C-alpha atoms as a PDB file:
ATOM      1  CA  GLU A   1       0.000   0.000   0.000  1.00  0.00           C
ATOM      2  CA  VAL A   2       1.402   3.387  -0.972  1.00  0.00           C
ATOM      3  CA  ASN A   3       1.765   5.717   2.006  1.00  0.00           C
ATOM      4  CA  GLY A   4       1.411   9.433   1.438  1.00  0.00           C
ATOM      5  CA  ASP A   5       3.659  10.670   4.243  1.00  0.00           C
ATOM      6  CA  LEU A   6       3.654  14.006   2.502  1.00  0.00           C
ATOM      7  CA  SER A   7       5.582  15.955   5.131  1.00  0.00           C
ATOM      8  CA  HIS A   8       8.796  14.397   3.817  1.00  0.00           C
ATOM      9  CA  TYR A   9       8.117  15.807   0.349  1.00  0.00           C
ATOM     10  CA  LEU A  10       6.904  19.192   1.578  1.00  0.00           C
ATOM     11  CA  CYS A  11       9.930  19.885   3.770  1.00  0.00           C
ATOM     12  CA  ARG A  12      12.190  19.176   0.792  1.00  0.00           C
ATOM     13  CA  GLY A  13      10.068  21.186  -1.638  1.00  0.00           C
ATOM     14  CA  MET A  14       9.407  18.057  -3.695  1.00  0.00           C
ATOM     15  CA  MET A  15       5.852  18.823  -4.784  1.00  0.00           C
ATOM     16  CA  LYS A  16       6.020  18.275  -8.547  1.00  0.00           C
ATOM     17  CA  GLY A  17       7.601  15.930 -10.995  1.00  0.00           C
ATOM     18  CA  PRO A  18       6.933  12.437 -12.321  1.00  0.00           C
ATOM     19  CA  PHE A  19       7.961  10.545  -9.177  1.00  0.00           C
ATOM     20  CA  VAL A  20       5.896  12.656  -6.777  1.00  0.00           C
ATOM     21  CA  GLU A  21       2.933  12.615  -9.163  1.00  0.00           C
ATOM     22  CA  SER A  22       3.180   8.814  -9.396  1.00  0.00           C
ATOM     23  CA  ILE A  23       3.103   8.505  -5.599  1.00  0.00           C
ATOM     24  CA  LEU A  24       0.165  10.913  -5.287  1.00  0.00           C
ATOM     25  CA  ALA A  25      -1.776   8.995  -7.953  1.00  0.00           C
ATOM     26  CA  LYS A  26      -1.324   5.743  -6.028  1.00  0.00           C
ATOM     27  CA  MET A  27      -1.666   7.065  -2.461  1.00  0.00           C
ATOM     28  CA  GLU A  28      -3.794   4.716  -0.354  1.00  0.00           C
ATOM     29  CA  HIS A  29      -3.354   6.176   3.115  1.00  0.00           C
ATOM     30  CA  THR A  30      -1.627   9.216   4.526  1.00  0.00           C
ATOM     31  CA  HIS A  31       0.218  10.362   7.608  1.00  0.00           C
ATOM     32  CA  VAL A  32      -0.530  13.973   8.439  1.00  0.00           C
ATOM     33  CA  ARG A  33       2.372  15.898   9.860  1.00  0.00           C
ATOM     34  CA  MET A  34       2.563  19.639   9.311  1.00  0.00           C
ATOM     35  CA  ALA A  35       5.794  20.542   7.508  1.00  0.00           C
ATOM     36  CA  ARG A  36       7.296  23.764   6.236  1.00  0.00           C
ATOM     37  CA  ILE A  37       8.213  23.839   2.573  1.00  0.00           C
ATOM     38  CA  TYR A  38      12.029  23.740   2.540  1.00  0.00           C
ATOM     39  CA  GLY A  39      11.945  23.656   6.333  1.00  0.00           C
ATOM     40  CA  ASP A  40      10.997  21.579   9.349  1.00  0.00           C
ATOM     41  CA  VAL A  41       9.428  18.152   8.795  1.00  0.00           C
ATOM     42  CA  SER A  42       7.206  18.445  11.886  1.00  0.00           C
ATOM     43  CA  VAL A  43       5.829  21.822  12.957  1.00  0.00           C
ATOM     44  CA  ASP A  44       3.767  22.621  16.052  1.00  0.00           C
ATOM     45  CA  VAL A  45       0.743  24.629  14.874  1.00  0.00           C
ATOM     46  CA  GLU A  46      -0.675  26.475  17.874  1.00  0.00           C
ATOM     47  CA  ASP A  47      -3.367  28.379  15.957  1.00  0.00           C
ATOM     48  CA  PRO A  48      -4.464  26.339  12.922  1.00  0.00           C
ATOM     49  CA  ALA A  49      -7.239  28.780  11.922  1.00  0.00           C
ATOM     50  CA  ASN A  50      -4.790  31.677  11.754  1.00  0.00           C
ATOM     51  CA  ASP A  51      -2.208  29.496  10.041  1.00  0.00           C
ATOM     52  CA  TRP A  52      -4.761  28.557   7.362  1.00  0.00           C
ATOM     53  CA  LYS A  53      -5.824  32.182   6.930  1.00  0.00           C
ATOM     54  CA  ASN A  54      -2.185  33.124   6.322  1.00  0.00           C
ATOM     55  CA  LYS A  55      -1.702  30.192   3.926  1.00  0.00           C
ATOM     56  CA  GLY A  56       0.724  28.501   6.273  1.00  0.00           C
ATOM     57  CA  VAL A  57       1.580  24.838   6.770  1.00  0.00           C
ATOM     58  CA  THR A  58      -2.047  23.680   7.192  1.00  0.00           C
ATOM     59  CA  TYR A  59      -3.116  25.299   3.923  1.00  0.00           C
ATOM     60  CA  ASN A  60      -0.051  24.045   2.060  1.00  0.00           C
ATOM     61  CA  TYR A  61      -0.604  20.522   3.351  1.00  0.00           C
ATOM     62  CA  TRP A  62      -4.246  20.568   2.241  1.00  0.00           C
ATOM     63  CA  GLN A  63      -3.393  21.839  -1.239  1.00  0.00           C
ATOM     64  CA  PHE A  64      -0.699  19.186  -1.704  1.00  0.00           C
ATOM     65  CA  ALA A  65      -2.671  16.327  -0.120  1.00  0.00           C
ATOM     66  CA  LYS A  66      -5.760  16.984  -2.268  1.00  0.00           C
ATOM     67  CA  GLN A  67      -3.796  15.778  -5.285  1.00  0.00           C
ATOM     68  CA  GLY A  68      -3.316  12.400  -3.610  1.00  0.00           C
ATOM     69  CA  MET A  69      -6.886  12.154  -2.378  1.00  0.00           C
ATOM     70  CA  LYS A  70      -8.554  12.484  -5.792  1.00  0.00           C
ATOM     71  CA  ASN A  71      -9.400   8.801  -5.811  1.00  0.00           C
ATOM     72  CA  GLY A  72     -10.149   8.562  -2.117  1.00  0.00           C
ATOM     73  CA  LEU A  73      -7.960   6.393   0.088  1.00  0.00           C
ATOM     74  CA  SER A  74      -8.328   2.640  -0.287  1.00  0.00           C
ATOM     75  CA  SER A  75      -7.568   1.916   3.350  1.00  0.00           C
ATOM     76  CA  ARG A  76      -9.518   5.007   4.493  1.00  0.00           C
ATOM     77  CA  VAL A  77      -6.716   5.767   6.949  1.00  0.00           C
ATOM     78  CA  ILE A  78      -5.540   9.258   7.786  1.00  0.00           C
ATOM     79  CA  VAL A  79      -2.966   9.133  10.573  1.00  0.00           C
ATOM     80  CA  GLY A  80      -2.098  12.155  12.692  1.00  0.00           C
ATOM     81  CA  GLU A  81       1.173  13.007  14.412  1.00  0.00           C
ATOM     82  CA  SER A  82       2.418   9.728  15.876  1.00  0.00           C
ATOM     83  CA  GLY A  83       4.804  10.885  18.544  1.00  0.00           C
ATOM     84  CA  PRO A  84       7.075  13.649  19.727  1.00  0.00           C
ATOM     85  CA  TYR A  85       9.075  14.538  16.632  1.00  0.00           C
ATOM     86  CA  HIS A  86      11.133  17.595  15.753  1.00  0.00           C
ATOM     87  CA  LEU A  87       9.163  20.678  16.872  1.00  0.00           C
ATOM     88  CA  VAL A  88       6.076  18.775  18.089  1.00  0.00           C
ATOM     89  CA  THR A  89       6.511  17.817  21.737  1.00  0.00           C
ATOM     90  CA  ASP A  90       2.838  17.077  22.472  1.00  0.00           C
ATOM     91  CA  PRO A  91       1.419  15.078  19.531  1.00  0.00           C
ATOM     92  CA  LEU A  92      -1.987  14.471  21.143  1.00  0.00           C
ATOM     93  CA  THR A  93      -2.631  18.194  21.514  1.00  0.00           C
ATOM     94  CA  GLN A  94      -1.367  18.749  17.975  1.00  0.00           C
ATOM     95  CA  ASP A  95      -3.761  16.073  16.669  1.00  0.00           C
ATOM     96  CA  GLN A  96      -6.633  17.622  18.624  1.00  0.00           C
ATOM     97  CA  ARG A  97      -5.944  20.984  17.004  1.00  0.00           C
ATOM     98  CA  MET A  98      -5.728  19.316  13.591  1.00  0.00           C
ATOM     99  CA  MET A  99      -9.071  17.472  13.883  1.00  0.00           C
ATOM    100  CA  PRO A 100     -10.963  19.933  11.650  1.00  0.00           C
ATOM    101  CA  LEU A 101      -8.330  19.407   8.947  1.00  0.00           C
ATOM    102  CA  LEU A 102      -8.289  15.624   9.399  1.00  0.00           C
ATOM    103  CA  ARG A 103     -12.094  15.464   9.233  1.00  0.00           C
ATOM    104  CA  SER A 104     -12.123  17.645   6.136  1.00  0.00           C
ATOM    105  CA  MET A 105      -9.564  15.373   4.512  1.00  0.00           C
ATOM    106  CA  ALA A 106     -11.717  12.314   5.240  1.00  0.00           C
ATOM    107  CA  GLU A 107     -14.814  14.085   3.931  1.00  0.00           C
ATOM    108  CA  TYR A 108     -12.968  15.169   0.796  1.00  0.00           C
ATOM    109  CA  CYS A 109     -11.755  11.601   0.163  1.00  0.00           C
ATOM    110  CA  ASP A 110     -15.250  10.228   0.629  1.00  0.00           C
ATOM    111  CA  SER A 111     -16.693  12.823  -1.735  1.00  0.00           C
ATOM    112  CA  GLN A 112     -14.261  11.746  -4.454  1.00  0.00           C
ATOM    113  CA  VAL A 113     -15.553   8.175  -4.488  1.00  0.00           C
ATOM    114  CA  ARG A 114     -19.102   8.562  -3.232  1.00  0.00           C
ATOM    115  CA  ILE A 115     -21.473   6.433  -5.217  1.00  0.00           C
ATOM    116  CA  SER A 116     -24.772   5.614  -3.657  1.00  0.00           C
ATOM    117  CA  ARG A 117     -24.901   1.929  -2.817  1.00  0.00           C
ATOM    118  CA  TYR A 118     -28.554   2.205  -1.902  1.00  0.00           C
ATOM    119  CA  ASP A 119     -31.466   1.659  -4.154  1.00  0.00           C
ATOM    120  CA  ASP A 120     -35.177   1.423  -3.442  1.00  0.00           C
ATOM    121  CA  THR A 121     -35.585  -2.156  -4.600  1.00  0.00           C
ATOM    122  CA  GLU A 122     -35.905  -5.229  -2.463  1.00  0.00           C
ATOM    123  CA  GLN A 123     -32.628  -6.532  -3.877  1.00  0.00           C
ATOM    124  CA  PHE A 124     -30.609  -4.064  -1.812  1.00  0.00           C
ATOM    125  CA  ASN A 125     -28.411  -5.846   0.712  1.00  0.00           C
ATOM    126  CA  PRO A 126     -25.472  -3.951   2.256  1.00  0.00           C
ATOM    127  CA  PHE A 127     -23.663  -7.222   2.903  1.00  0.00           C
ATOM    128  CA  THR A 128     -23.542  -8.192  -0.761  1.00  0.00           C
ATOM    129  CA  GLN A 129     -22.614  -4.813  -2.229  1.00  0.00           C
ATOM    130  CA  THR A 130     -19.107  -4.225  -3.525  1.00  0.00           C
END
């Protein structure tokens, strides 16, 4: 399964090109860690709303991640900050602050692949649908 741990690309400024585009096209789950373009791989975002408004790391992550979420995520997994790393010393608080972004990412993924599995006939059975 192709992991979109996009912070590693963002912090190196690797956001275009055939290899990155290939990874984004095949991304099946993602780890969400805020990263500065050409900077830190893990940034503590104390005020995500203000950061977004100023087109900071949250906004940049969203814009980059959307490319990889065009086909949804096959495993439906979006993983937050997994532990103290670089500038993030309290990953649980960071994840709590990032929940609106994480939820929006999940909603965006779902909207990319949403096809109604329901129909009004008696043949509908959620356990036999693919």
